[in-house]
Protein backbone atom coordinates (compact mmCIF):
# COMPACT_ATOMS: atom_id res chain seq x y z
CA MET A 1 -6.20 -1.67 15.72
CA LYS A 2 -5.13 -2.12 12.29
CA ILE A 3 -6.09 -0.44 8.56
CA THR A 4 -4.97 -0.67 5.56
CA ARG A 5 -5.13 1.88 2.58
CA ASP A 6 -4.32 1.84 -0.88
CA TYR A 7 -2.37 4.79 -2.73
CA ARG A 8 -2.02 5.24 -6.19
CA SER A 9 0.63 7.53 -8.09
CA LEU A 10 2.28 7.60 -4.43
CA PRO A 11 6.16 5.89 -4.56
CA LEU A 12 7.15 3.26 -2.06
CA TRP A 13 10.21 5.60 -0.92
CA LEU A 14 8.43 8.96 -0.91
CA ALA A 15 5.20 6.85 1.42
CA ARG A 16 8.14 6.06 3.42
CA ASP A 17 9.57 9.21 3.81
CA TYR A 18 6.57 10.65 4.65
CA LEU A 19 6.06 8.65 7.42
CA ILE A 20 8.87 9.25 8.66
CA GLU A 21 8.37 13.18 8.11
CA ILE A 22 5.08 12.72 10.66
CA GLY A 23 7.31 11.20 13.28
CA GLY A 24 8.07 7.63 12.51
CA ALA A 25 11.40 6.01 12.59
CA PRO A 26 12.62 4.26 9.69
CA THR A 27 13.18 0.54 11.37
CA GLU A 28 13.71 -2.02 8.53
CA GLY A 29 13.04 -2.26 4.98
CA TYR A 30 9.30 0.00 4.42
CA VAL A 31 8.70 -0.30 8.32
CA VAL A 32 8.09 2.79 9.94
CA GLN A 33 8.45 2.92 13.79
CA GLY A 34 6.24 6.01 15.62
CA ALA A 35 5.68 6.53 19.31
CA THR A 36 2.35 5.33 19.50
CA TRP A 37 2.30 3.47 15.85
CA VAL A 38 3.55 1.34 13.30
CA ALA A 39 3.42 1.50 9.39
CA THR A 40 3.91 -0.95 6.86
CA VAL A 41 4.52 0.31 3.54
CA ARG A 42 4.32 -2.36 0.74
CA ASP A 43 4.23 -2.84 -3.29
CA GLY A 44 0.81 -3.43 -4.79
CA GLU A 45 -0.02 -4.62 -8.50
CA ASP A 46 -0.56 -1.72 -11.23
CA VAL A 47 -3.74 -0.59 -11.89
CA GLN A 48 -4.62 -0.30 -15.69
CA ILE A 49 -7.26 2.37 -16.97
CA GLY A 50 -7.52 2.16 -20.59
CA ARG A 51 -4.25 2.27 -21.91
CA PHE A 52 -2.53 3.69 -18.58
CA ARG A 53 -0.83 1.58 -15.99
CA ILE A 54 -0.52 3.33 -12.52
CA GLY A 55 1.55 2.56 -9.59
CA GLN A 56 -0.48 1.24 -6.44
CA ILE A 57 1.16 0.61 -2.96
CA PHE A 58 -0.63 -0.23 0.57
CA VAL A 59 0.21 1.28 3.77
CA ASP A 60 -0.74 -0.97 7.10
CA PHE A 61 -1.72 1.18 9.73
CA GLU A 62 -1.48 -0.17 13.15
CA ALA A 63 -1.85 1.83 16.58
CA ASP A 64 -4.58 2.11 19.30
CA GLU A 65 -7.85 3.46 17.99
CA ASN A 66 -7.76 6.98 19.48
CA VAL A 67 -4.25 7.36 18.02
CA LEU A 68 -4.71 6.20 13.81
CA PRO A 69 -7.53 9.10 12.94
CA GLY A 70 -4.69 11.44 13.43
CA VAL A 71 -1.43 9.31 12.33
CA LEU A 72 -4.13 8.50 9.09
CA ALA A 73 -4.89 12.41 8.74
CA ALA A 74 -1.21 13.47 8.89
CA PHE A 75 -0.51 11.16 6.13
CA GLU A 76 -2.87 11.44 3.93
CA LYS A 77 -2.29 15.59 3.91
CA LYS A 78 1.30 14.74 2.85
CA ALA A 79 -0.04 12.08 0.05
CA MET A 80 -2.76 14.30 -1.44
CA ARG A 81 0.30 15.96 -3.68
CA ALA A 82 -0.52 17.85 -6.97
CA GLY A 83 1.38 16.67 -10.10
CA GLY A 84 1.41 13.21 -9.76
């Protein structure tokens, strides 16, 4: 199963670090391989809100349907960070 999520104000390098912290190993570039999952972090276009531009990234998660919810929950817990 594959799912793509978008995140704003989360830098590529930090998303990659979070994926490593939840049990993945870096492979090439921004691809992280877990024991039963793989995630690819990629840059998106900035989002414009009034005069402000906010960075946006995409994370493509791939895992069995019974594994994916746990991986998403672990990553999103880290991605919810205060202070930007």
